[in-house]
Amino acid sequence: MSSRTSPGSQQITIRRAVARDAKRLTRLVRGSGAYAGKYAAAVAGYRVGPDYIEAHRVFVAVGADEGGDRVLGFYSLVLAPPELDLLFVADEAQKRGIGRLLVAHMQSEARAAGLDRVKVVAHLPAADFYHRVGAVRTGTAFANPPAVPWDRPEFEFRITSE
């Protein structure tokens, strides 16, 4: 578990997700403003289940508030083949550096796992974010209707040893 302060000076802890987080993570995915309008169908039935959390390295960013820990975002690192499968920040928590914190944490986890690269197939509205946090564009994942009826940019994080 790591703890940092976001630019908005809120204490944020990144911890390993557990099975009881599944419903909150599913709500975060389905409620994401980045998937509104024409993108809504892509996450309408999406589920982050306890089995998924157990099978992959899923980490949650939580902020302490008066009611306890509030989920601000999360990511999932799949080791084989190396891929950042999910990365979401709650709509109300965006633009506060939480996505950057999650990416830095993911890179640390990838490094610890001995990975030298991590692929990302990005959602179109997130492409600029991945570029800003150091991912390099490597290609295009072509549409796969009906599940994903649009092309998506592929990126790669190159993991360097520290």
C-alpha atoms as a PDB file:
ATOM      1  CA  MET A   1       0.000   0.000   0.000  1.00  0.00           C
ATOM      2  CA  SER A   2       1.304   3.438  -0.845  1.00  0.00           C
ATOM      3  CA  SER A   3       0.068   6.798   0.295  1.00  0.00           C
ATOM      4  CA  ARG A   4       0.499  10.155  -1.409  1.00  0.00           C
ATOM      5  CA  THR A   5      -1.049  13.574  -1.426  1.00  0.00           C
ATOM      6  CA  SER A   6      -2.765  14.727  -4.614  1.00  0.00           C
ATOM      7  CA  PRO A   7      -2.321  18.236  -6.033  1.00  0.00           C
ATOM      8  CA  GLY A   8      -5.633  19.108  -4.361  1.00  0.00           C
ATOM      9  CA  SER A   9      -3.917  18.176  -1.043  1.00  0.00           C
ATOM     10  CA  GLN A  10      -6.193  15.216  -0.353  1.00  0.00           C
ATOM     11  CA  GLN A  11      -4.485  12.180   1.156  1.00  0.00           C
ATOM     12  CA  ILE A  12      -4.754   9.321  -1.336  1.00  0.00           C
ATOM     13  CA  THR A  13      -3.883   5.723  -0.623  1.00  0.00           C
ATOM     14  CA  ILE A  14      -3.336   3.132  -3.331  1.00  0.00           C
ATOM     15  CA  ARG A  15      -4.044  -0.373  -2.122  1.00  0.00           C
ATOM     16  CA  ARG A  16      -4.644  -3.786  -3.611  1.00  0.00           C
ATOM     17  CA  ALA A  17      -8.296  -4.313  -4.481  1.00  0.00           C
ATOM     18  CA  VAL A  18     -10.207  -7.030  -2.659  1.00  0.00           C
ATOM     19  CA  ALA A  19     -13.346  -8.945  -3.631  1.00  0.00           C
ATOM     20  CA  ARG A  20     -15.624  -6.613  -1.657  1.00  0.00           C
ATOM     21  CA  ASP A  21     -14.502  -3.719  -3.935  1.00  0.00           C
ATOM     22  CA  ALA A  22     -16.071  -5.363  -6.999  1.00  0.00           C
ATOM     23  CA  LYS A  23     -19.431  -3.564  -6.887  1.00  0.00           C
ATOM     24  CA  ARG A  24     -17.865  -0.132  -6.356  1.00  0.00           C
ATOM     25  CA  LEU A  25     -15.424  -0.682  -9.232  1.00  0.00           C
ATOM     26  CA  THR A  26     -18.237  -1.853 -11.497  1.00  0.00           C
ATOM     27  CA  ARG A  27     -20.256   1.276 -10.645  1.00  0.00           C
ATOM     28  CA  LEU A  28     -17.230   3.460 -11.402  1.00  0.00           C
ATOM     29  CA  VAL A  29     -16.811   1.852 -14.852  1.00  0.00           C
ATOM     30  CA  ARG A  30     -20.503   1.975 -15.761  1.00  0.00           C
ATOM     31  CA  GLY A  31     -20.913   5.536 -14.487  1.00  0.00           C
ATOM     32  CA  SER A  32     -17.877   6.985 -16.248  1.00  0.00           C
ATOM     33  CA  GLY A  33     -18.650  10.164 -18.161  1.00  0.00           C
ATOM     34  CA  ALA A  34     -16.003   9.138 -20.690  1.00  0.00           C
ATOM     35  CA  TYR A  35     -18.431   6.434 -21.817  1.00  0.00           C
ATOM     36  CA  ALA A  36     -21.478   8.649 -22.237  1.00  0.00           C
ATOM     37  CA  GLY A  37     -23.386   8.972 -25.490  1.00  0.00           C
ATOM     38  CA  LYS A  38     -22.176   6.788 -28.338  1.00  0.00           C
ATOM     39  CA  TYR A  39     -19.715   4.985 -26.035  1.00  0.00           C
ATOM     40  CA  ALA A  40     -22.293   3.971 -23.403  1.00  0.00           C
ATOM     41  CA  ALA A  41     -22.929   0.515 -24.870  1.00  0.00           C
ATOM     42  CA  ALA A  42     -19.276  -0.439 -24.346  1.00  0.00           C
ATOM     43  CA  VAL A  43     -19.679  -0.455 -20.557  1.00  0.00           C
ATOM     44  CA  ALA A  44     -23.425  -0.931 -20.075  1.00  0.00           C
ATOM     45  CA  GLY A  45     -23.107  -4.563 -19.000  1.00  0.00           C
ATOM     46  CA  TYR A  46     -19.479  -4.422 -17.870  1.00  0.00           C
ATOM     47  CA  ARG A  47     -18.682  -6.100 -14.571  1.00  0.00           C
ATOM     48  CA  VAL A  48     -15.526  -6.052 -12.471  1.00  0.00           C
ATOM     49  CA  GLY A  49     -16.123  -9.218 -10.504  1.00  0.00           C
ATOM     50  CA  PRO A  50     -14.350 -10.728  -7.506  1.00  0.00           C
ATOM     51  CA  ASP A  51     -12.908 -13.384  -9.848  1.00  0.00           C
ATOM     52  CA  TYR A  52     -11.322 -10.664 -12.013  1.00  0.00           C
ATOM     53  CA  ILE A  53      -9.870  -8.958  -8.933  1.00  0.00           C
ATOM     54  CA  GLU A  54      -8.374 -12.251  -7.744  1.00  0.00           C
ATOM     55  CA  ALA A  55      -6.900 -13.104 -11.167  1.00  0.00           C
ATOM     56  CA  HIS A  56      -5.157  -9.776 -11.871  1.00  0.00           C
ATOM     57  CA  ARG A  57      -3.257  -7.018 -10.133  1.00  0.00           C
ATOM     58  CA  VAL A  58      -6.059  -4.589  -9.426  1.00  0.00           C
ATOM     59  CA  PHE A  59      -5.262  -1.525  -7.337  1.00  0.00           C
ATOM     60  CA  VAL A  60      -7.620   1.100  -5.952  1.00  0.00           C
ATOM     61  CA  ALA A  61      -6.956   4.768  -5.158  1.00  0.00           C
ATOM     62  CA  VAL A  62      -8.961   5.789  -2.112  1.00  0.00           C
ATOM     63  CA  GLY A  63      -9.318   9.150  -0.447  1.00  0.00           C
ATOM     64  CA  ALA A  64     -10.132   9.549   3.194  1.00  0.00           C
ATOM     65  CA  ASP A  65     -13.353  11.426   3.776  1.00  0.00           C
ATOM     66  CA  GLU A  66     -15.789  11.758   6.636  1.00  0.00           C
ATOM     67  CA  GLY A  67     -17.533   8.514   5.645  1.00  0.00           C
ATOM     68  CA  GLY A  68     -14.407   6.391   5.335  1.00  0.00           C
ATOM     69  CA  ASP A  69     -12.509   5.396   2.211  1.00  0.00           C
ATOM     70  CA  ARG A  70     -13.956   6.753  -1.034  1.00  0.00           C
ATOM     71  CA  VAL A  71     -12.894   5.050  -4.280  1.00  0.00           C
ATOM     72  CA  LEU A  72     -11.371   7.720  -6.528  1.00  0.00           C
ATOM     73  CA  GLY A  73     -10.044   5.416  -9.235  1.00  0.00           C
ATOM     74  CA  PHE A  74      -8.465   2.068 -10.013  1.00  0.00           C
ATOM     75  CA  TYR A  75      -6.383   0.162 -12.524  1.00  0.00           C
ATOM     76  CA  SER A  76      -5.797  -3.421 -13.525  1.00  0.00           C
ATOM     77  CA  LEU A  77      -2.433  -4.760 -14.659  1.00  0.00           C
ATOM     78  CA  VAL A  78      -2.530  -8.054 -16.532  1.00  0.00           C
ATOM     79  CA  LEU A  79       0.876  -9.762 -16.513  1.00  0.00           C
ATOM     80  CA  ALA A  80       0.586 -12.191 -19.416  1.00  0.00           C
ATOM     81  CA  PRO A  81       0.584 -10.660 -21.916  1.00  0.00           C
ATOM     82  CA  PRO A  82       1.509  -7.394 -20.168  1.00  0.00           C
ATOM     83  CA  GLU A  83      -1.390  -4.968 -20.481  1.00  0.00           C
ATOM     84  CA  LEU A  84      -2.986  -2.124 -18.579  1.00  0.00           C
ATOM     85  CA  ASP A  85      -6.470  -3.555 -18.966  1.00  0.00           C
ATOM     86  CA  LEU A  86      -8.477  -0.975 -17.025  1.00  0.00           C
ATOM     87  CA  LEU A  87      -7.787   2.500 -15.688  1.00  0.00           C
ATOM     88  CA  PHE A  88     -10.639   4.642 -14.420  1.00  0.00           C
ATOM     89  CA  VAL A  89     -10.805   7.795 -12.330  1.00  0.00           C
ATOM     90  CA  ALA A  90     -14.152   8.880 -10.907  1.00  0.00           C
ATOM     91  CA  ASP A  91     -15.589  11.811 -12.844  1.00  0.00           C
ATOM     92  CA  GLU A  92     -15.638  14.067  -9.779  1.00  0.00           C
ATOM     93  CA  ALA A  93     -11.994  13.222  -8.986  1.00  0.00           C
ATOM     94  CA  GLN A  94     -10.517  13.977 -12.422  1.00  0.00           C
ATOM     95  CA  LYS A  95      -7.964  16.739 -13.039  1.00  0.00           C
ATOM     96  CA  ARG A  96      -6.466  16.211  -9.567  1.00  0.00           C
ATOM     97  CA  GLY A  97      -3.481  14.007 -10.486  1.00  0.00           C
ATOM     98  CA  ILE A  98      -5.063  10.692  -9.484  1.00  0.00           C
ATOM     99  CA  GLY A  99      -4.659   9.184 -12.958  1.00  0.00           C
ATOM    100  CA  ARG A 100      -0.955  10.091 -12.886  1.00  0.00           C
ATOM    101  CA  LEU A 101      -0.605   8.506  -9.437  1.00  0.00           C
ATOM    102  CA  LEU A 102      -2.241   5.320 -10.698  1.00  0.00           C
ATOM    103  CA  VAL A 103       0.009   5.189 -13.780  1.00  0.00           C
ATOM    104  CA  ALA A 104       3.134   5.705 -11.654  1.00  0.00           C
ATOM    105  CA  HIS A 105       1.975   2.938  -9.317  1.00  0.00           C
ATOM    106  CA  MET A 106       1.274   0.638 -12.283  1.00  0.00           C
ATOM    107  CA  GLN A 107       4.774   1.273 -13.648  1.00  0.00           C
ATOM    108  CA  SER A 108       6.268   0.396 -10.258  1.00  0.00           C
ATOM    109  CA  GLU A 109       4.230  -2.830 -10.123  1.00  0.00           C
ATOM    110  CA  ALA A 110       5.255  -3.700 -13.701  1.00  0.00           C
ATOM    111  CA  ARG A 111       8.910  -3.081 -12.856  1.00  0.00           C
ATOM    112  CA  ALA A 112       8.641  -5.280  -9.736  1.00  0.00           C
ATOM    113  CA  ALA A 113       7.106  -8.034 -11.891  1.00  0.00           C
ATOM    114  CA  GLY A 114      10.072  -7.859 -14.285  1.00  0.00           C
ATOM    115  CA  LEU A 115       8.129  -6.352 -17.192  1.00  0.00           C
ATOM    116  CA  ASP A 116       9.818  -4.024 -19.657  1.00  0.00           C
ATOM    117  CA  ARG A 117       6.669  -2.966 -21.554  1.00  0.00           C
ATOM    118  CA  VAL A 118       2.961  -2.656 -20.852  1.00  0.00           C
ATOM    119  CA  LYS A 119       0.424  -2.323 -23.667  1.00  0.00           C
ATOM    120  CA  VAL A 120      -2.699  -0.151 -23.468  1.00  0.00           C
ATOM    121  CA  VAL A 121      -5.608  -0.182 -25.893  1.00  0.00           C
ATOM    122  CA  ALA A 122      -7.030   3.239 -25.094  1.00  0.00           C
ATOM    123  CA  HIS A 123     -10.547   4.549 -25.125  1.00  0.00           C
ATOM    124  CA  LEU A 124     -10.571   7.408 -27.665  1.00  0.00           C
ATOM    125  CA  PRO A 125     -11.273  10.178 -25.107  1.00  0.00           C
ATOM    126  CA  ALA A 126      -8.334   8.928 -22.984  1.00  0.00           C
ATOM    127  CA  ALA A 127      -5.703   8.982 -25.753  1.00  0.00           C
ATOM    128  CA  ASP A 128      -4.357  12.430 -24.853  1.00  0.00           C
ATOM    129  CA  PHE A 129      -4.057  11.409 -21.201  1.00  0.00           C
ATOM    130  CA  TYR A 130      -1.925   8.370 -22.054  1.00  0.00           C
ATOM    131  CA  HIS A 131       0.306  10.490 -24.251  1.00  0.00           C
ATOM    132  CA  ARG A 132       0.747  13.070 -21.448  1.00  0.00           C
ATOM    133  CA  VAL A 133       1.776  10.407 -18.926  1.00  0.00           C
ATOM    134  CA  GLY A 134       4.486   8.983 -21.177  1.00  0.00           C
ATOM    135  CA  ALA A 135       2.885   6.210 -23.194  1.00  0.00           C
ATOM    136  CA  VAL A 136       4.061   5.901 -26.798  1.00  0.00           C
ATOM    137  CA  ARG A 137       1.557   5.319 -29.606  1.00  0.00           C
ATOM    138  CA  THR A 138       2.294   1.975 -31.287  1.00  0.00           C
ATOM    139  CA  GLY A 139      -0.697   1.328 -33.534  1.00  0.00           C
ATOM    140  CA  THR A 140      -4.433   0.903 -33.793  1.00  0.00           C
ATOM    141  CA  ALA A 141      -6.799  -1.744 -32.467  1.00  0.00           C
ATOM    142  CA  PHE A 142      -9.403  -2.020 -35.190  1.00  0.00           C
ATOM    143  CA  ALA A 143     -13.129  -2.087 -34.530  1.00  0.00           C
ATOM    144  CA  ASN A 144     -14.625  -5.397 -33.444  1.00  0.00           C
ATOM    145  CA  PRO A 145     -18.408  -4.982 -33.810  1.00  0.00           C
ATOM    146  CA  PRO A 146     -20.733  -5.355 -32.100  1.00  0.00           C
ATOM    147  CA  ALA A 147     -18.652  -5.188 -28.896  1.00  0.00           C
ATOM    148  CA  VAL A 148     -16.478  -2.249 -29.978  1.00  0.00           C
ATOM    149  CA  PRO A 149     -17.649  -0.561 -33.182  1.00  0.00           C
ATOM    150  CA  TRP A 150     -14.779   1.968 -33.401  1.00  0.00           C
ATOM    151  CA  ASP A 151     -11.014   1.854 -33.852  1.00  0.00           C
ATOM    152  CA  ARG A 152      -8.933   2.550 -30.739  1.00  0.00           C
ATOM    153  CA  PRO A 153      -5.349   3.781 -30.376  1.00  0.00           C
ATOM    154  CA  GLU A 154      -2.777   1.374 -28.980  1.00  0.00           C
ATOM    155  CA  PHE A 155      -0.069   2.670 -26.658  1.00  0.00           C
ATOM    156  CA  GLU A 156       2.848   1.192 -24.801  1.00  0.00           C
ATOM    157  CA  PHE A 157       4.509   2.145 -21.560  1.00  0.00           C
ATOM    158  CA  ARG A 158       8.202   1.338 -21.644  1.00  0.00           C
ATOM    159  CA  ILE A 159       9.209   0.288 -18.174  1.00  0.00           C
ATOM    160  CA  THR A 160      12.725   1.330 -17.243  1.00  0.00           C
ATOM    161  CA  SER A 161      14.725   0.075 -14.299  1.00  0.00           C
ATOM    162  CA  GLU A 162      15.250   2.598 -11.522  1.00  0.00           C
END
